[in-house]
Protein backbone atom coordinates (compact mmCIF):
# COMPACT_ATOMS: atom_id res chain seq x y z
CA ILE A 1 38.15 123.72 -227.46
CA LEU A 2 38.12 127.25 -226.06
CA TYR A 3 34.52 126.80 -224.89
CA THR A 4 35.49 123.55 -223.16
CA MET A 5 38.39 125.29 -221.42
CA PHE A 6 36.10 128.13 -220.34
CA HIS A 7 33.52 125.59 -219.12
CA ASN A 8 36.22 123.77 -217.10
CA LEU A 9 37.19 127.09 -215.59
CA ALA A 10 33.56 127.61 -214.55
CA GLU A 11 33.42 124.17 -212.91
CA ASN A 12 36.76 124.47 -211.10
CA ASN A 13 36.66 128.23 -210.43
CA LYS A 14 40.32 128.52 -211.42
CA LEU A 15 42.89 127.17 -213.85
CA HIS A 16 46.60 127.74 -214.09
CA LEU A 17 47.57 129.62 -217.22
CA GLN A 18 50.11 126.90 -218.02
CA GLU A 19 47.31 124.28 -218.10
CA VAL A 20 45.40 126.41 -220.58
CA ARG A 21 48.54 126.94 -222.67
CA ASP A 22 49.25 123.19 -222.74
CA THR A 23 45.65 122.24 -223.54
CA LEU A 24 45.01 124.73 -226.31
CA ALA A 25 48.48 124.58 -227.89
CA LEU A 26 48.25 128.21 -228.96
CA SER A 27 51.12 130.61 -229.40
CA PRO A 28 51.70 132.84 -226.37
CA PRO A 29 50.59 136.02 -228.21
CA THR A 30 47.35 134.36 -229.36
CA LEU A 31 46.59 133.04 -225.89
CA THR A 32 47.37 136.42 -224.34
CA ALA A 33 44.95 138.10 -226.75
CA ILE A 34 42.20 135.62 -225.88
CA ILE A 35 42.76 135.92 -222.13
CA THR A 36 42.87 139.72 -222.37
CA SER A 37 39.61 139.74 -224.35
CA LEU A 38 37.88 137.56 -221.73
CA GLU A 39 39.28 139.75 -218.98
CA ASP A 40 38.16 142.97 -220.73
CA LYS A 41 34.65 141.51 -220.90
CA LYS A 42 34.85 140.86 -217.13
CA LEU A 43 34.37 137.11 -217.65
CA ILE A 44 37.66 136.11 -215.98
CA ASN A 45 40.48 137.68 -214.03
CA ARG A 46 44.15 136.86 -213.67
CA VAL A 47 45.72 136.44 -210.25
CA ILE A 48 49.15 135.41 -209.07
CA ASP A 49 49.18 131.96 -207.49
CA GLN A 50 49.88 132.51 -203.79
CA GLN A 51 51.59 129.11 -203.47
CA ASP A 52 53.94 129.71 -206.40
CA ARG A 53 54.21 133.34 -207.41
CA ARG A 54 55.69 132.37 -210.80
CA ASN A 55 52.31 130.93 -211.82
CA ILE A 56 49.28 132.85 -212.95
CA CYS A 57 45.78 131.55 -212.27
CA LEU A 58 42.66 132.39 -214.18
CA ASN A 59 39.53 132.81 -212.09
CA ILE A 60 36.03 132.98 -213.48
CA THR A 61 33.90 135.92 -212.42
CA GLN A 62 30.20 135.86 -211.57
CA LYS A 63 29.55 137.39 -214.99
CA GLY A 64 31.58 134.56 -216.54
CA LYS A 65 29.52 131.95 -214.69
CA GLU A 66 26.31 133.59 -215.88
CA TYR A 67 27.66 133.63 -219.44
CA ILE A 68 28.36 129.88 -219.27
CA GLU A 69 24.88 129.16 -217.87
CA THR A 70 23.22 131.21 -220.61
CA THR A 71 25.35 129.62 -223.32
CA ASP A 72 24.67 126.11 -221.99
CA LYS A 73 20.91 126.76 -222.10
CA LYS A 74 21.16 128.02 -225.69
CA ILE A 75 23.17 124.96 -226.72
CA GLU A 76 20.73 122.57 -225.02
CA GLU A 77 17.81 124.30 -226.72
CA ALA A 78 19.49 124.15 -230.12
CA ILE A 79 20.30 120.45 -229.68
CA SER A 80 16.74 119.72 -228.62
CA GLN A 81 15.39 121.54 -231.69
CA TYR A 82 17.86 119.68 -233.91
CA ILE A 83 16.79 116.31 -232.48
CA ASP A 84 13.13 117.19 -233.07
CA TYR A 85 14.00 118.29 -236.61
CA ILE A 86 15.92 115.19 -237.72
CA GLY A 87 13.84 112.63 -235.83
CA GLU A 88 14.65 109.72 -233.56
CA GLU A 89 15.80 107.35 -236.33
CA ASP A 90 18.41 109.79 -237.64
CA VAL A 91 19.52 110.63 -234.09
CA ASN A 92 20.22 106.94 -233.49
CA LYS A 93 22.16 106.71 -236.78
CA PHE A 94 24.14 109.82 -235.82
CA ILE A 95 25.02 108.32 -232.41
CA GLU A 96 26.08 105.07 -234.09
CA ILE A 97 28.34 106.96 -236.53
CA LEU A 98 29.91 108.98 -233.70
CA SER A 99 30.54 105.79 -231.74
CA LYS A 100 32.21 104.16 -234.76
CA THR A 101 34.29 107.30 -235.30
CA GLU A 102 35.46 107.27 -231.68
CA ASN A 103 36.35 103.57 -231.93
CA PHE A 104 38.26 104.14 -235.17
CA PHE A 105 40.39 106.93 -233.75
CA SER A 106 40.88 105.05 -230.49
CA GLU A 107 42.27 102.11 -232.46
CA ILE A 108 44.61 104.13 -234.67
CA TRP A 109 45.88 106.18 -231.73
CA GLY A 110 46.76 103.09 -229.75
CA GLY A 111 43.76 102.91 -227.45
CA LYS A 112 43.84 106.55 -226.41
CA LYS A 113 40.50 108.31 -226.32
CA CYS A 114 39.95 111.34 -228.50
């Protein structure tokens, strides 16, 4: 979930801290520690929203964008190697199982997607 949030930040260039808090459902101290860690690594920075000074925005840095690009390439490579390893037949079975899983949870959660 954290990677997805960080990826969304890379795509949108900024997120409001409240959006992150709502999405991740983490305690404020835990979220602060995560944000501080990312900031210390120069992957993001915090800025006050100029339109509403009560809000804090998270901006991704160039180093953060490069980190996401590198990580995406590693993930794509790993997935490609995994697909080669298990073979096309098992990949198709895996996709079928994931599809059934999504349908199951969609049904029990009243049509909402996971």
